[in-house]
Amino acid sequence: MDINLFKFCSSLKALGYLMILMVAAIIVVSYYAVVVVTWGPKLLVGGLDSVLSFAIIVVFHILLILLTWCYFMVVFRDPGSVPENWRPVSEEYNLEEGPMTSSDCVVPETLNSTWSSSDGQERRPAVGYCIQCQNGKPPRCHHCSVCQRCVLKMDHHCVWVVNCVGAYNYKFFLLFLLYTFLETTLDTLALLPSFINFFGEAKNHSASPGNLSIIFLAFDFVP
């Protein structure tokens, strides 16, 4: 009996669901620290402080919406799967056009197609065969031991999104990283004055211990 030890890697999905909850918790703590505790009350002060607070809160919400949208697109969007009994039918491959259709799937006995490279030499397309899936593999396609399937243009399996990063969600993954960097940078600048005053307020007991703890945690969560 053949035993596929890589199937045990699928248990990492459970860890990924915990990571999603952790991302949600970080967002909630950051929102509470920046909007509710730090800058939200300053909207009622008036003057320059109100204008600055309004600008920070607006930018914060815009980045948060973009970040969350890209994150859920990476989580729920299929990175790209290989159709059953897939085999190449032409010498041209373009995985960016969209999902493959049944017309792209044939099962020839041999794969004799070649193409001419930039140096004038004919080379065979990088077509492989996946033993686990018992199916052909297009170029730059890899088998994910966690998802138990082949993924088109697979980059890696990310436990933070419980999904692979591949052909159809790679753009959203990069945008998620960009918006996360901008959001955490804004959080750092917005919470830096409160963090500087953290120890003084804690020493003098001039602020709520709960709010001080939230600000401290939110500032530490920022990479």
C-alpha atoms as a PDB file:
ATOM      1  CA  MET A   1       0.000   0.000   0.000  1.00  0.00           C
ATOM      2  CA  ASP A   2       1.384   3.400  -1.046  1.00  0.00           C
ATOM      3  CA  ILE A   3       1.295   6.018   1.689  1.00  0.00           C
ATOM      4  CA  ASN A   4       1.519   9.676   0.728  1.00  0.00           C
ATOM      5  CA  LEU A   5       3.174  11.382   3.676  1.00  0.00           C
ATOM      6  CA  PHE A   6       2.540  14.814   2.134  1.00  0.00           C
ATOM      7  CA  LYS A   7      -1.162  14.429   2.878  1.00  0.00           C
ATOM      8  CA  PHE A   8      -0.380  15.157   6.521  1.00  0.00           C
ATOM      9  CA  CYS A   9       0.615  18.678   5.413  1.00  0.00           C
ATOM     10  CA  SER A  10      -3.048  19.413   4.737  1.00  0.00           C
ATOM     11  CA  SER A  11      -3.482  19.750   8.506  1.00  0.00           C
ATOM     12  CA  LEU A  12      -1.751  23.137   8.180  1.00  0.00           C
ATOM     13  CA  LYS A  13      -5.075  24.501   6.932  1.00  0.00           C
ATOM     14  CA  ALA A  14      -6.327  24.471  10.514  1.00  0.00           C
ATOM     15  CA  LEU A  15      -3.388  26.699  11.467  1.00  0.00           C
ATOM     16  CA  GLY A  16      -4.304  29.003   8.595  1.00  0.00           C
ATOM     17  CA  TYR A  17      -7.815  29.554   9.973  1.00  0.00           C
ATOM     18  CA  LEU A  18      -6.257  30.636  13.265  1.00  0.00           C
ATOM     19  CA  MET A  19      -4.052  33.039  11.313  1.00  0.00           C
ATOM     20  CA  ILE A  20      -7.142  34.630   9.747  1.00  0.00           C
ATOM     21  CA  LEU A  21      -8.533  35.232  13.229  1.00  0.00           C
ATOM     22  CA  MET A  22      -5.195  36.725  14.258  1.00  0.00           C
ATOM     23  CA  VAL A  23      -5.253  39.122  11.279  1.00  0.00           C
ATOM     24  CA  ALA A  24      -8.784  40.161  12.234  1.00  0.00           C
ATOM     25  CA  ALA A  25      -7.690  40.697  15.849  1.00  0.00           C
ATOM     26  CA  ILE A  26      -4.747  42.882  14.782  1.00  0.00           C
ATOM     27  CA  ILE A  27      -7.053  44.983  12.595  1.00  0.00           C
ATOM     28  CA  VAL A  28      -9.561  45.436  15.434  1.00  0.00           C
ATOM     29  CA  VAL A  29      -6.878  46.407  17.964  1.00  0.00           C
ATOM     30  CA  SER A  30      -5.251  48.849  15.533  1.00  0.00           C
ATOM     31  CA  TYR A  31      -8.616  50.400  14.687  1.00  0.00           C
ATOM     32  CA  TYR A  32      -9.519  50.836  18.322  1.00  0.00           C
ATOM     33  CA  ALA A  33      -6.140  52.360  19.178  1.00  0.00           C
ATOM     34  CA  VAL A  34      -5.938  54.775  16.237  1.00  0.00           C
ATOM     35  CA  VAL A  35      -9.570  55.808  15.710  1.00  0.00           C
ATOM     36  CA  VAL A  36     -11.384  55.283  19.013  1.00  0.00           C
ATOM     37  CA  VAL A  37      -8.697  56.065  21.574  1.00  0.00           C
ATOM     38  CA  THR A  38      -6.163  58.377  19.927  1.00  0.00           C
ATOM     39  CA  TRP A  39      -7.519  60.472  17.055  1.00  0.00           C
ATOM     40  CA  GLY A  40     -11.294  60.083  17.197  1.00  0.00           C
ATOM     41  CA  PRO A  41     -11.758  62.225  20.349  1.00  0.00           C
ATOM     42  CA  LYS A  42      -9.630  65.010  18.811  1.00  0.00           C
ATOM     43  CA  LEU A  43     -12.261  65.584  16.110  1.00  0.00           C
ATOM     44  CA  LEU A  44     -14.322  67.494  18.681  1.00  0.00           C
ATOM     45  CA  VAL A  45     -11.443  69.661  19.904  1.00  0.00           C
ATOM     46  CA  GLY A  46     -11.480  72.046  16.979  1.00  0.00           C
ATOM     47  CA  GLY A  47      -8.709  73.882  15.206  1.00  0.00           C
ATOM     48  CA  LEU A  48      -5.672  72.233  13.659  1.00  0.00           C
ATOM     49  CA  ASP A  49      -6.018  69.103  15.778  1.00  0.00           C
ATOM     50  CA  SER A  50      -9.463  68.394  14.302  1.00  0.00           C
ATOM     51  CA  VAL A  51      -8.221  68.870  10.745  1.00  0.00           C
ATOM     52  CA  LEU A  52      -5.246  66.579  11.324  1.00  0.00           C
ATOM     53  CA  SER A  53      -7.453  63.988  13.032  1.00  0.00           C
ATOM     54  CA  PHE A  54      -9.932  64.044  10.158  1.00  0.00           C
ATOM     55  CA  ALA A  55      -7.151  63.564   7.583  1.00  0.00           C
ATOM     56  CA  ILE A  56      -5.579  60.662   9.494  1.00  0.00           C
ATOM     57  CA  ILE A  57      -8.905  58.903  10.042  1.00  0.00           C
ATOM     58  CA  VAL A  58      -9.926  59.252   6.373  1.00  0.00           C
ATOM     59  CA  VAL A  59      -6.611  57.880   5.075  1.00  0.00           C
ATOM     60  CA  PHE A  60      -6.715  55.134   7.694  1.00  0.00           C
ATOM     61  CA  HIS A  61     -10.167  53.973   6.563  1.00  0.00           C
ATOM     62  CA  ILE A  62      -9.257  54.084   2.856  1.00  0.00           C
ATOM     63  CA  LEU A  63      -6.164  51.942   3.377  1.00  0.00           C
ATOM     64  CA  LEU A  64      -8.071  49.615   5.682  1.00  0.00           C
ATOM     65  CA  ILE A  65     -10.805  49.027   3.084  1.00  0.00           C
ATOM     66  CA  LEU A  66      -8.271  48.370   0.311  1.00  0.00           C
ATOM     67  CA  LEU A  67      -6.215  46.105   2.583  1.00  0.00           C
ATOM     68  CA  THR A  68      -9.238  44.069   3.664  1.00  0.00           C
ATOM     69  CA  TRP A  69     -10.593  43.744   0.134  1.00  0.00           C
ATOM     70  CA  CYS A  70      -7.268  42.477  -1.234  1.00  0.00           C
ATOM     71  CA  TYR A  71      -6.874  40.108   1.700  1.00  0.00           C
ATOM     72  CA  PHE A  72     -10.234  38.437   1.138  1.00  0.00           C
ATOM     73  CA  MET A  73      -9.557  38.258  -2.605  1.00  0.00           C
ATOM     74  CA  VAL A  74      -6.391  36.287  -1.863  1.00  0.00           C
ATOM     75  CA  VAL A  75      -8.244  34.070   0.609  1.00  0.00           C
ATOM     76  CA  PHE A  76     -11.293  33.229  -1.504  1.00  0.00           C
ATOM     77  CA  ARG A  77     -10.028  33.462  -5.078  1.00  0.00           C
ATOM     78  CA  ASP A  78      -8.872  30.270  -6.763  1.00  0.00           C
ATOM     79  CA  PRO A  79      -5.156  30.663  -7.569  1.00  0.00           C
ATOM     80  CA  GLY A  80      -5.569  28.508 -10.673  1.00  0.00           C
ATOM     81  CA  SER A  81      -6.119  24.781 -11.064  1.00  0.00           C
ATOM     82  CA  VAL A  82      -5.134  22.302 -13.741  1.00  0.00           C
ATOM     83  CA  PRO A  83      -8.107  20.648 -15.493  1.00  0.00           C
ATOM     84  CA  GLU A  84      -8.395  16.899 -15.240  1.00  0.00           C
ATOM     85  CA  ASN A  85      -6.475  14.981 -17.938  1.00  0.00           C
ATOM     86  CA  TRP A  86      -4.765  18.187 -19.052  1.00  0.00           C
ATOM     87  CA  ARG A  87      -2.249  17.925 -21.885  1.00  0.00           C
ATOM     88  CA  PRO A  88      -0.805  20.681 -24.116  1.00  0.00           C
ATOM     89  CA  VAL A  89      -2.547  21.053 -27.479  1.00  0.00           C
ATOM     90  CA  SER A  90      -0.452  23.875 -28.928  1.00  0.00           C
ATOM     91  CA  GLU A  91       2.980  25.394 -28.672  1.00  0.00           C
ATOM     92  CA  GLU A  92       1.722  28.628 -27.143  1.00  0.00           C
ATOM     93  CA  TYR A  93       0.853  28.988 -23.480  1.00  0.00           C
ATOM     94  CA  ASN A  94      -0.756  31.991 -21.876  1.00  0.00           C
ATOM     95  CA  LEU A  95      -1.950  31.369 -18.346  1.00  0.00           C
ATOM     96  CA  GLU A  96      -2.893  35.019 -17.808  1.00  0.00           C
ATOM     97  CA  GLU A  97      -5.901  34.922 -20.175  1.00  0.00           C
ATOM     98  CA  GLY A  98      -8.154  33.087 -17.743  1.00  0.00           C
ATOM     99  CA  PRO A  99      -9.198  29.614 -16.625  1.00  0.00           C
ATOM    100  CA  MET A 100      -8.659  26.773 -19.044  1.00  0.00           C
ATOM    101  CA  THR A 101     -11.620  25.294 -20.838  1.00  0.00           C
ATOM    102  CA  SER A 102     -12.386  21.749 -21.822  1.00  0.00           C
ATOM    103  CA  SER A 103     -11.173  22.496 -25.351  1.00  0.00           C
ATOM    104  CA  ASP A 104      -7.674  22.942 -23.947  1.00  0.00           C
ATOM    105  CA  CYS A 105      -7.633  19.412 -22.510  1.00  0.00           C
ATOM    106  CA  VAL A 106      -6.647  16.436 -24.622  1.00  0.00           C
ATOM    107  CA  VAL A 107      -4.788  13.236 -23.863  1.00  0.00           C
ATOM    108  CA  PRO A 108      -2.274  12.504 -26.631  1.00  0.00           C
ATOM    109  CA  GLU A 109       0.063   9.559 -26.371  1.00  0.00           C
ATOM    110  CA  THR A 110       3.199  11.638 -26.885  1.00  0.00           C
ATOM    111  CA  LEU A 111       4.220  15.254 -26.454  1.00  0.00           C
ATOM    112  CA  ASN A 112       6.308  16.157 -29.496  1.00  0.00           C
ATOM    113  CA  SER A 113       5.702  19.912 -29.715  1.00  0.00           C
ATOM    114  CA  THR A 114       8.732  22.222 -29.702  1.00  0.00           C
ATOM    115  CA  TRP A 115       9.343  25.960 -29.930  1.00  0.00           C
ATOM    116  CA  SER A 116      12.199  28.199 -31.003  1.00  0.00           C
ATOM    117  CA  SER A 117      13.943  30.101 -28.253  1.00  0.00           C
ATOM    118  CA  SER A 118      15.575  33.520 -28.578  1.00  0.00           C
ATOM    119  CA  ASP A 119      18.933  31.949 -29.471  1.00  0.00           C
ATOM    120  CA  GLY A 120      17.410  30.081 -32.415  1.00  0.00           C
ATOM    121  CA  GLN A 121      17.467  26.634 -30.807  1.00  0.00           C
ATOM    122  CA  GLU A 122      14.385  24.465 -30.632  1.00  0.00           C
ATOM    123  CA  ARG A 123      13.388  23.443 -27.144  1.00  0.00           C
ATOM    124  CA  ARG A 124      10.583  21.396 -25.704  1.00  0.00           C
ATOM    125  CA  PRO A 125       8.026  23.214 -23.542  1.00  0.00           C
ATOM    126  CA  ALA A 126       8.524  22.748 -19.803  1.00  0.00           C
ATOM    127  CA  VAL A 127       5.652  20.295 -19.429  1.00  0.00           C
ATOM    128  CA  GLY A 128       5.775  17.845 -16.559  1.00  0.00           C
ATOM    129  CA  TYR A 129       3.665  15.184 -14.910  1.00  0.00           C
ATOM    130  CA  CYS A 130       2.357  15.217 -11.350  1.00  0.00           C
ATOM    131  CA  ILE A 131       2.445  11.815  -9.688  1.00  0.00           C
ATOM    132  CA  GLN A 132       0.120  12.879  -6.854  1.00  0.00           C
ATOM    133  CA  CYS A 133      -2.563  14.303  -9.157  1.00  0.00           C
ATOM    134  CA  GLN A 134      -1.939  11.755 -11.926  1.00  0.00           C
ATOM    135  CA  ASN A 135      -2.139  14.634 -14.378  1.00  0.00           C
ATOM    136  CA  GLY A 136       0.015  16.792 -16.607  1.00  0.00           C
ATOM    137  CA  LYS A 137       1.618  19.982 -15.303  1.00  0.00           C
ATOM    138  CA  PRO A 138       1.835  23.174 -17.386  1.00  0.00           C
ATOM    139  CA  PRO A 139       4.982  25.318 -17.210  1.00  0.00           C
ATOM    140  CA  ARG A 140       5.635  26.930 -13.788  1.00  0.00           C
ATOM    141  CA  CYS A 141       2.955  24.757 -12.218  1.00  0.00           C
ATOM    142  CA  HIS A 142       3.682  23.054  -8.891  1.00  0.00           C
ATOM    143  CA  HIS A 143       1.888  20.624  -6.625  1.00  0.00           C
ATOM    144  CA  CYS A 144       0.894  22.031  -3.226  1.00  0.00           C
ATOM    145  CA  SER A 145       1.199  19.451  -0.462  1.00  0.00           C
ATOM    146  CA  VAL A 146      -1.201  21.471   1.724  1.00  0.00           C
ATOM    147  CA  CYS A 147      -3.997  22.007  -0.812  1.00  0.00           C
ATOM    148  CA  GLN A 148      -3.350  18.579  -2.365  1.00  0.00           C
ATOM    149  CA  ARG A 149      -3.543  19.868  -5.937  1.00  0.00           C
ATOM    150  CA  CYS A 150      -1.450  21.464  -8.661  1.00  0.00           C
ATOM    151  CA  VAL A 151      -1.528  25.265  -8.814  1.00  0.00           C
ATOM    152  CA  LEU A 152      -0.823  27.363 -11.909  1.00  0.00           C
ATOM    153  CA  LYS A 153       2.268  29.590 -11.572  1.00  0.00           C
ATOM    154  CA  MET A 154       2.444  28.700  -7.896  1.00  0.00           C
ATOM    155  CA  ASP A 155       4.516  31.087  -5.797  1.00  0.00           C
ATOM    156  CA  HIS A 156       3.970  29.592  -2.339  1.00  0.00           C
ATOM    157  CA  HIS A 157       1.302  28.415   0.076  1.00  0.00           C
ATOM    158  CA  CYS A 158       0.583  31.172   2.585  1.00  0.00           C
ATOM    159  CA  VAL A 159      -0.786  30.050   5.952  1.00  0.00           C
ATOM    160  CA  TRP A 160      -1.955  33.615   6.639  1.00  0.00           C
ATOM    161  CA  VAL A 161      -4.550  33.330   3.858  1.00  0.00           C
ATOM    162  CA  VAL A 162      -5.150  29.533   3.932  1.00  0.00           C
ATOM    163  CA  ASN A 163      -4.549  29.490   0.195  1.00  0.00           C
ATOM    164  CA  CYS A 164      -1.854  29.244  -2.409  1.00  0.00           C
ATOM    165  CA  VAL A 165      -0.531  32.320  -4.171  1.00  0.00           C
ATOM    166  CA  GLY A 166      -0.737  31.582  -7.868  1.00  0.00           C
ATOM    167  CA  ALA A 167      -1.689  32.861 -11.304  1.00  0.00           C
ATOM    168  CA  TYR A 168      -5.081  34.377 -10.472  1.00  0.00           C
ATOM    169  CA  ASN A 169      -4.537  35.891  -7.005  1.00  0.00           C
ATOM    170  CA  TYR A 170      -0.881  36.932  -7.145  1.00  0.00           C
ATOM    171  CA  LYS A 171      -1.803  40.539  -8.013  1.00  0.00           C
ATOM    172  CA  PHE A 172      -4.075  40.806  -4.983  1.00  0.00           C
ATOM    173  CA  PHE A 173      -1.369  39.316  -2.763  1.00  0.00           C
ATOM    174  CA  LEU A 174       1.126  41.990  -3.824  1.00  0.00           C
ATOM    175  CA  LEU A 175      -1.486  44.720  -3.348  1.00  0.00           C
ATOM    176  CA  PHE A 176      -2.270  43.327   0.104  1.00  0.00           C
ATOM    177  CA  LEU A 177       1.404  43.586   1.049  1.00  0.00           C
ATOM    178  CA  LEU A 178       1.585  47.139  -0.290  1.00  0.00           C
ATOM    179  CA  TYR A 179      -1.525  48.348   1.549  1.00  0.00           C
ATOM    180  CA  THR A 180      -0.404  46.567   4.715  1.00  0.00           C
ATOM    181  CA  PHE A 181       2.930  48.399   4.575  1.00  0.00           C
ATOM    182  CA  LEU A 182       1.200  51.760   4.075  1.00  0.00           C
ATOM    183  CA  GLU A 183      -1.344  51.049   6.819  1.00  0.00           C
ATOM    184  CA  THR A 184       1.246  49.961   9.371  1.00  0.00           C
ATOM    185  CA  THR A 185       3.397  52.980   8.516  1.00  0.00           C
ATOM    186  CA  LEU A 186       0.413  55.240   9.145  1.00  0.00           C
ATOM    187  CA  ASP A 187      -0.306  53.424  12.408  1.00  0.00           C
ATOM    188  CA  THR A 188       3.285  53.961  13.524  1.00  0.00           C
ATOM    189  CA  LEU A 189       3.199  57.690  12.828  1.00  0.00           C
ATOM    190  CA  ALA A 190      -0.278  58.108  14.325  1.00  0.00           C
ATOM    191  CA  LEU A 191       0.506  56.232  17.532  1.00  0.00           C
ATOM    192  CA  LEU A 192       4.079  57.442  18.002  1.00  0.00           C
ATOM    193  CA  PRO A 193       3.157  60.543  20.099  1.00  0.00           C
ATOM    194  CA  SER A 194       0.891  58.460  22.328  1.00  0.00           C
ATOM    195  CA  PHE A 195       3.547  55.780  22.631  1.00  0.00           C
ATOM    196  CA  ILE A 196       6.135  58.369  23.686  1.00  0.00           C
ATOM    197  CA  ASN A 197       3.764  59.597  26.385  1.00  0.00           C
ATOM    198  CA  PHE A 198       2.891  56.044  27.362  1.00  0.00           C
ATOM    199  CA  PHE A 199       5.424  55.715  30.169  1.00  0.00           C
ATOM    200  CA  GLY A 200       4.802  59.194  31.533  1.00  0.00           C
ATOM    201  CA  GLU A 201       1.046  58.669  31.682  1.00  0.00           C
ATOM    202  CA  ALA A 202       1.478  55.227  33.182  1.00  0.00           C
ATOM    203  CA  LYS A 203       3.762  56.652  35.878  1.00  0.00           C
ATOM    204  CA  ASN A 204       1.389  59.474  36.740  1.00  0.00           C
ATOM    205  CA  HIS A 205      -1.741  57.296  36.366  1.00  0.00           C
ATOM    206  CA  SER A 206      -3.264  60.075  34.264  1.00  0.00           C
ATOM    207  CA  ALA A 207      -4.859  57.786  31.672  1.00  0.00           C
ATOM    208  CA  SER A 208      -6.972  54.678  31.611  1.00  0.00           C
ATOM    209  CA  PRO A 209      -4.849  51.521  32.034  1.00  0.00           C
ATOM    210  CA  GLY A 210      -6.981  49.759  29.445  1.00  0.00           C
ATOM    211  CA  ASN A 211      -6.401  52.450  26.803  1.00  0.00           C
ATOM    212  CA  LEU A 212      -2.692  52.503  27.552  1.00  0.00           C
ATOM    213  CA  SER A 213      -2.534  48.741  27.082  1.00  0.00           C
ATOM    214  CA  ILE A 214      -4.365  48.953  23.758  1.00  0.00           C
ATOM    215  CA  ILE A 215      -2.018  51.651  22.460  1.00  0.00           C
ATOM    216  CA  PHE A 216       1.001  49.640  23.596  1.00  0.00           C
ATOM    217  CA  LEU A 217      -0.228  46.464  21.913  1.00  0.00           C
ATOM    218  CA  ALA A 218      -1.226  48.222  18.690  1.00  0.00           C
ATOM    219  CA  PHE A 219       2.151  49.923  18.424  1.00  0.00           C
ATOM    220  CA  ASP A 220       3.971  46.635  18.999  1.00  0.00           C
ATOM    221  CA  PHE A 221       1.879  44.874  16.343  1.00  0.00           C
ATOM    222  CA  VAL A 222       3.247  47.226  13.678  1.00  0.00           C
ATOM    223  CA  PRO A 223       6.198  45.533  11.940  1.00  0.00           C
END
